Amino acid sequence: MRTSQDWVEHFSANINIQRINWQLTPSLTEDERMNILSSLQAWQLGETSDGSHLLKASITYANKIRDHYYPAAVELFIKEEQKHGNNLGKYLDMIGEKRIEKNWADTLFRKIRYFNSSMELWTLAVITVESTAQVFYQSLKDATGCKLLRQICTDILIDEASHIDFQIERFSLIYNCKKTASKFLCYHLYKWFFFSTIIVVWFAYRRCFKAGHNDFYKYWKKMNLKFKKTIGRLKKTQRQNIAANSVYAINEV
């Protein structure tokens, strides 16, 4: 498991890597534009959040656990998300489409974020959204033959993989500080939140998912796998710890 300082170094280096050739000319067909435009605009808006509430929560949390590198890592994480928004916005400009200022799904998630000051809930929400983002951007990439848009999606997907690692490592630390009974309850609340959220995401952006060859069954199957690789790991780790403690107790006897 990497330290917060390790993540600061990672994000600082990664933000300077250029994977997109902006000299390419966008080449969306009318069918592609019809299938992906509204979803592309909505996700561009979602990626432009200033992250101030998340950063504030990270500072409060870091002061409690005395991990003073953590807010810096979170700030760099936010900058990478904003980079995604800027790149998607630049692409919208290049194809002559507007950047929207409001979307019902984004408004809902922003209201939830606004009233949240818990690092635990923040991390849960980010893991859930980042997991859906992986499926969304792969769908967006598969829904178009435009080389420029595909490069933008690839860049985002590379970043998202490390984002999920960053968040799940922190989430594991938070979860493992809980008592056993609390872990059981929280795990099932996490699961409910995750799957409730992904249903909302499906209905909000299903046209793009379908254009990327994902019907609801395929989407659900992929998201179930995402859950097992992220939040589901918490339960597996808990079982391993219980087993290890049992073996230790037997050896002591």
Protein backbone atom coordinates (compact mmCIF):
# COMPACT_ATOMS: atom_id res chain seq x y z
CA MET A 1 0.00 0.00 0.00
CA ARG A 2 1.36 3.39 -1.03
CA THR A 3 1.66 6.31 1.35
CA SER A 4 0.07 9.69 0.74
CA GLN A 5 3.53 11.01 -0.14
CA ASP A 6 3.84 8.25 -2.76
CA TRP A 7 0.56 9.38 -4.27
CA VAL A 8 1.67 13.01 -4.33
CA GLU A 9 4.72 11.94 -6.33
CA HIS A 10 2.61 9.79 -8.66
CA PHE A 11 0.03 12.48 -9.42
CA SER A 12 2.72 15.16 -9.80
CA ALA A 13 4.45 13.08 -12.47
CA ASN A 14 1.31 11.83 -14.21
CA ILE A 15 -0.25 15.27 -14.71
CA ASN A 16 2.61 16.18 -17.07
CA ILE A 17 2.30 13.14 -19.34
CA GLN A 18 0.80 14.05 -22.72
CA ARG A 19 -1.14 11.21 -24.36
CA ILE A 20 -3.37 13.22 -26.70
CA ASN A 21 -2.44 14.49 -30.16
CA TRP A 22 -4.45 17.69 -30.44
CA GLN A 23 -3.34 18.10 -34.06
CA LEU A 24 -5.83 15.39 -35.02
CA THR A 25 -9.04 16.58 -36.65
CA PRO A 26 -12.30 15.43 -34.97
CA SER A 27 -14.30 13.07 -37.17
CA LEU A 28 -17.67 12.29 -35.63
CA THR A 29 -20.39 10.86 -37.84
CA GLU A 30 -23.93 12.15 -37.42
CA ASP A 31 -25.02 8.86 -35.84
CA GLU A 32 -22.13 8.99 -33.37
CA ARG A 33 -22.93 12.59 -32.51
CA MET A 34 -26.57 11.70 -31.91
CA ASN A 35 -25.68 8.74 -29.67
CA ILE A 36 -22.97 10.27 -27.50
CA LEU A 37 -23.27 14.05 -27.48
CA SER A 38 -25.63 14.55 -24.53
CA SER A 39 -23.66 12.08 -22.39
CA LEU A 40 -20.35 13.65 -23.42
CA GLN A 41 -21.64 17.10 -22.43
CA ALA A 42 -22.94 15.82 -19.09
CA TRP A 43 -19.69 14.09 -18.14
CA GLN A 44 -17.67 17.12 -19.22
CA LEU A 45 -19.72 19.17 -16.77
CA GLY A 46 -19.26 16.58 -14.03
CA GLU A 47 -15.48 16.55 -14.46
CA THR A 48 -15.23 20.32 -13.92
CA SER A 49 -16.10 20.40 -10.21
CA ASP A 50 -13.70 22.56 -8.18
CA GLY A 51 -13.53 19.83 -5.52
CA SER A 52 -13.55 22.36 -2.66
CA HIS A 53 -15.84 20.28 -0.42
CA LEU A 54 -13.77 17.14 -0.96
CA LEU A 55 -10.56 19.03 -0.22
CA LYS A 56 -12.06 20.51 2.95
CA ALA A 57 -13.12 17.06 4.15
CA SER A 58 -9.64 15.67 3.39
CA ILE A 59 -7.97 18.41 5.45
CA THR A 60 -10.22 17.73 8.46
CA TYR A 61 -9.61 14.00 8.13
CA ALA A 62 -5.84 14.38 7.66
CA ASN A 63 -5.56 16.52 10.78
CA LYS A 64 -7.25 13.79 12.81
CA ILE A 65 -4.94 11.03 11.63
CA ARG A 66 -1.86 13.27 11.22
CA ASP A 67 -1.32 12.43 7.58
CA HIS A 68 -0.32 15.85 6.28
CA TYR A 69 0.49 14.66 2.75
CA TYR A 70 -3.05 13.42 2.18
CA PRO A 71 -4.71 16.78 1.32
CA ALA A 72 -1.94 17.45 -1.20
CA ALA A 73 -2.63 14.06 -2.82
CA VAL A 74 -6.36 14.79 -2.92
CA GLU A 75 -5.73 18.21 -4.46
CA LEU A 76 -3.65 16.65 -7.23
CA PHE A 77 -6.32 13.99 -7.75
CA ILE A 78 -8.88 16.80 -8.22
CA LYS A 79 -6.59 18.50 -10.74
CA GLU A 80 -6.46 15.31 -12.81
CA GLU A 81 -10.25 15.17 -12.83
CA GLN A 82 -10.35 18.80 -13.92
CA LYS A 83 -7.87 17.96 -16.68
CA HIS A 84 -10.41 15.44 -17.97
CA GLY A 85 -13.10 18.10 -17.96
CA ASN A 86 -10.85 20.56 -19.77
CA ASN A 87 -9.95 17.99 -22.43
CA LEU A 88 -13.58 17.03 -23.00
CA GLY A 89 -14.50 20.71 -23.12
CA LYS A 90 -11.80 21.40 -25.67
CA TYR A 91 -13.14 18.56 -27.80
CA LEU A 92 -16.68 19.96 -27.60
CA ASP A 93 -15.33 23.33 -28.73
CA MET A 94 -13.56 21.69 -31.67
CA ILE A 95 -16.73 19.96 -32.90
CA GLY A 96 -18.77 23.15 -32.50
CA GLU A 97 -20.95 21.95 -29.60
CA LYS A 98 -21.70 23.88 -26.43
CA ARG A 99 -20.53 23.11 -22.92
CA ILE A 100 -23.67 22.72 -20.83
CA GLU A 101 -24.07 24.35 -17.43
CA LYS A 102 -26.71 22.08 -15.92
CA ASN A 103 -27.66 18.40 -16.02
CA TRP A 104 -30.12 16.64 -13.71
CA ALA A 105 -27.78 13.78 -12.77
CA ASP A 106 -24.85 16.13 -12.16
CA THR A 107 -27.08 18.45 -10.11
CA LEU A 108 -28.17 15.51 -7.95
CA PHE A 109 -24.61 14.37 -7.28
CA ARG A 110 -23.42 17.92 -6.60
CA LYS A 111 -26.14 18.41 -3.96
CA ILE A 112 -25.14 15.18 -2.27
CA ARG A 113 -21.49 16.28 -2.29
CA TYR A 114 -22.33 19.73 -0.96
CA PHE A 115 -23.85 18.38 2.26
CA ASN A 116 -21.19 15.70 2.80
CA SER A 117 -18.28 16.36 5.16
CA SER A 118 -17.39 12.72 5.92
CA MET A 119 -14.22 11.36 4.34
CA GLU A 120 -15.72 7.88 4.48
CA LEU A 121 -18.78 8.90 2.45
CA TRP A 122 -16.69 11.01 0.09
CA THR A 123 -14.41 8.08 -0.66
CA LEU A 124 -17.36 5.73 -1.14
CA ALA A 125 -18.96 8.16 -3.58
CA VAL A 126 -15.76 8.70 -5.53
CA ILE A 127 -15.07 4.95 -5.81
CA THR A 128 -18.60 4.42 -7.12
CA VAL A 129 -18.42 7.25 -9.66
CA GLU A 130 -14.89 6.33 -10.79
CA SER A 131 -16.01 2.72 -11.31
CA THR A 132 -18.92 3.81 -13.51
CA ALA A 133 -16.55 6.22 -15.28
CA GLN A 134 -14.37 3.32 -16.38
CA VAL A 135 -17.31 1.62 -18.06
CA PHE A 136 -18.65 4.91 -19.43
CA TYR A 137 -15.41 6.07 -21.05
CA GLN A 138 -14.74 2.64 -22.51
CA SER A 139 -18.27 2.73 -23.95
CA LEU A 140 -17.67 6.23 -25.30
CA LYS A 141 -14.41 5.07 -26.88
CA ASP A 142 -16.09 2.04 -28.46
CA ALA A 143 -18.99 4.17 -29.73
CA THR A 144 -16.84 6.27 -32.06
CA GLY A 145 -14.20 5.96 -34.74
CA CYS A 146 -12.90 9.47 -34.04
CA LYS A 147 -9.19 9.03 -33.24
CA LEU A 148 -9.00 12.21 -31.19
CA LEU A 149 -11.95 11.32 -28.96
CA ARG A 150 -10.62 7.79 -28.56
CA GLN A 151 -7.26 9.19 -27.39
CA ILE A 152 -9.04 11.45 -24.89
CA CYS A 153 -10.94 8.44 -23.55
CA THR A 154 -7.75 6.36 -23.31
CA ASP A 155 -6.03 9.10 -21.34
CA ILE A 156 -8.96 9.26 -18.91
CA LEU A 157 -9.11 5.48 -18.52
CA ILE A 158 -5.40 5.34 -17.65
CA ASP A 159 -5.90 8.00 -14.99
CA GLU A 160 -9.05 6.38 -13.61
CA ALA A 161 -7.26 3.11 -12.89
CA SER A 162 -4.86 4.82 -10.48
CA HIS A 163 -7.67 6.97 -9.08
CA ILE A 164 -9.54 3.87 -7.97
CA ASP A 165 -6.39 2.42 -6.39
CA PHE A 166 -5.85 5.71 -4.54
CA GLN A 167 -9.40 5.75 -3.22
CA ILE A 168 -9.74 2.07 -2.29
CA GLU A 169 -6.47 2.14 -0.35
CA ARG A 170 -7.81 5.03 1.72
CA PHE A 171 -11.22 3.41 2.05
CA SER A 172 -9.60 0.23 3.37
CA LEU A 173 -7.80 2.21 6.07
CA ILE A 174 -11.04 3.89 7.13
CA TYR A 175 -13.00 0.63 7.07
CA ASN A 176 -10.41 -1.37 9.02
CA CYS A 177 -10.52 1.11 11.90
CA LYS A 178 -14.12 0.10 12.60
CA LYS A 179 -15.31 -2.53 15.05
CA THR A 180 -16.54 -5.87 13.67
CA ALA A 181 -20.26 -5.17 14.11
CA SER A 182 -19.89 -1.75 12.53
CA LYS A 183 -17.99 -3.25 9.59
CA PHE A 184 -20.86 -5.63 8.87
CA LEU A 185 -23.46 -2.85 8.81
CA CYS A 186 -21.31 -0.42 6.84
CA TYR A 187 -20.37 -2.97 4.21
CA HIS A 188 -24.02 -3.58 3.35
CA LEU A 189 -24.72 0.16 3.30
CA TYR A 190 -21.76 0.62 0.93
CA LYS A 191 -23.16 -2.12 -1.31
CA TRP A 192 -26.63 -0.54 -1.34
CA PHE A 193 -25.18 2.88 -2.22
CA PHE A 194 -22.99 1.48 -5.00
CA PHE A 195 -25.70 -0.45 -6.79
CA SER A 196 -28.36 2.22 -6.30
CA THR A 197 -26.02 4.79 -7.83
CA ILE A 198 -25.09 2.71 -10.85
CA ILE A 199 -28.78 2.26 -11.70
CA VAL A 200 -29.16 6.06 -11.77
CA VAL A 201 -26.07 6.33 -13.97
CA TRP A 202 -27.44 3.73 -16.40
CA PHE A 203 -30.72 5.57 -16.91
CA ALA A 204 -28.94 8.91 -17.25
CA TYR A 205 -26.44 7.77 -19.92
CA ARG A 206 -27.86 4.55 -21.33
CA ARG A 207 -27.79 5.82 -24.91
CA CYS A 208 -24.00 6.13 -24.82
CA PHE A 209 -23.60 2.80 -23.00
CA LYS A 210 -25.69 1.10 -25.68
CA ALA A 211 -23.74 2.81 -28.47
CA GLY A 212 -20.63 1.32 -26.89
CA HIS A 213 -22.17 -2.18 -27.11
CA ASN A 214 -23.38 -2.42 -23.52
CA ASP A 215 -26.98 -3.35 -22.85
CA PHE A 216 -28.17 -3.25 -19.24
CA TYR A 217 -27.15 -6.87 -18.60
CA LYS A 218 -23.58 -6.29 -19.80
CA TYR A 219 -23.40 -3.01 -17.88
CA TRP A 220 -24.65 -4.65 -14.67
CA LYS A 221 -22.23 -7.55 -15.08
CA LYS A 222 -19.28 -5.18 -15.53
CA MET A 223 -20.31 -3.03 -12.58
CA ASN A 224 -20.72 -6.10 -10.39
CA LEU A 225 -17.13 -7.01 -11.25
CA LYS A 226 -16.05 -3.43 -10.44
CA PHE A 227 -17.71 -3.77 -7.04
CA LYS A 228 -15.89 -7.02 -6.29
CA LYS A 229 -12.55 -5.46 -7.22
CA THR A 230 -13.10 -2.37 -5.03
CA ILE A 231 -15.55 -2.35 -2.14
CA GLY A 232 -15.96 -6.11 -2.25
CA ARG A 233 -12.27 -6.43 -1.38
CA LEU A 234 -13.02 -5.04 2.07
CA LYS A 235 -15.03 -8.12 3.04
CA LYS A 236 -12.36 -10.46 1.67
CA THR A 237 -9.67 -8.64 3.65
CA GLN A 238 -11.80 -8.83 6.79
CA ARG A 239 -12.17 -12.59 6.41
CA GLN A 240 -8.41 -12.97 5.91
CA ASN A 241 -7.74 -10.93 9.05
CA ILE A 242 -10.20 -13.03 11.06
CA ALA A 243 -8.57 -16.23 9.81
CA ALA A 244 -5.09 -14.91 10.60
CA ASN A 245 -6.16 -13.91 14.12
CA SER A 246 -7.69 -17.36 14.66
CA VAL A 247 -4.47 -19.09 13.63
CA TYR A 248 -2.50 -16.77 15.91
CA ALA A 249 -4.81 -17.56 18.84
CA ILE A 250 -4.48 -21.33 18.26
CA ASN A 251 -0.70 -21.06 18.12
CA GLU A 252 -0.66 -19.09 21.34
CA VAL A 253 -2.61 -21.87 23.08
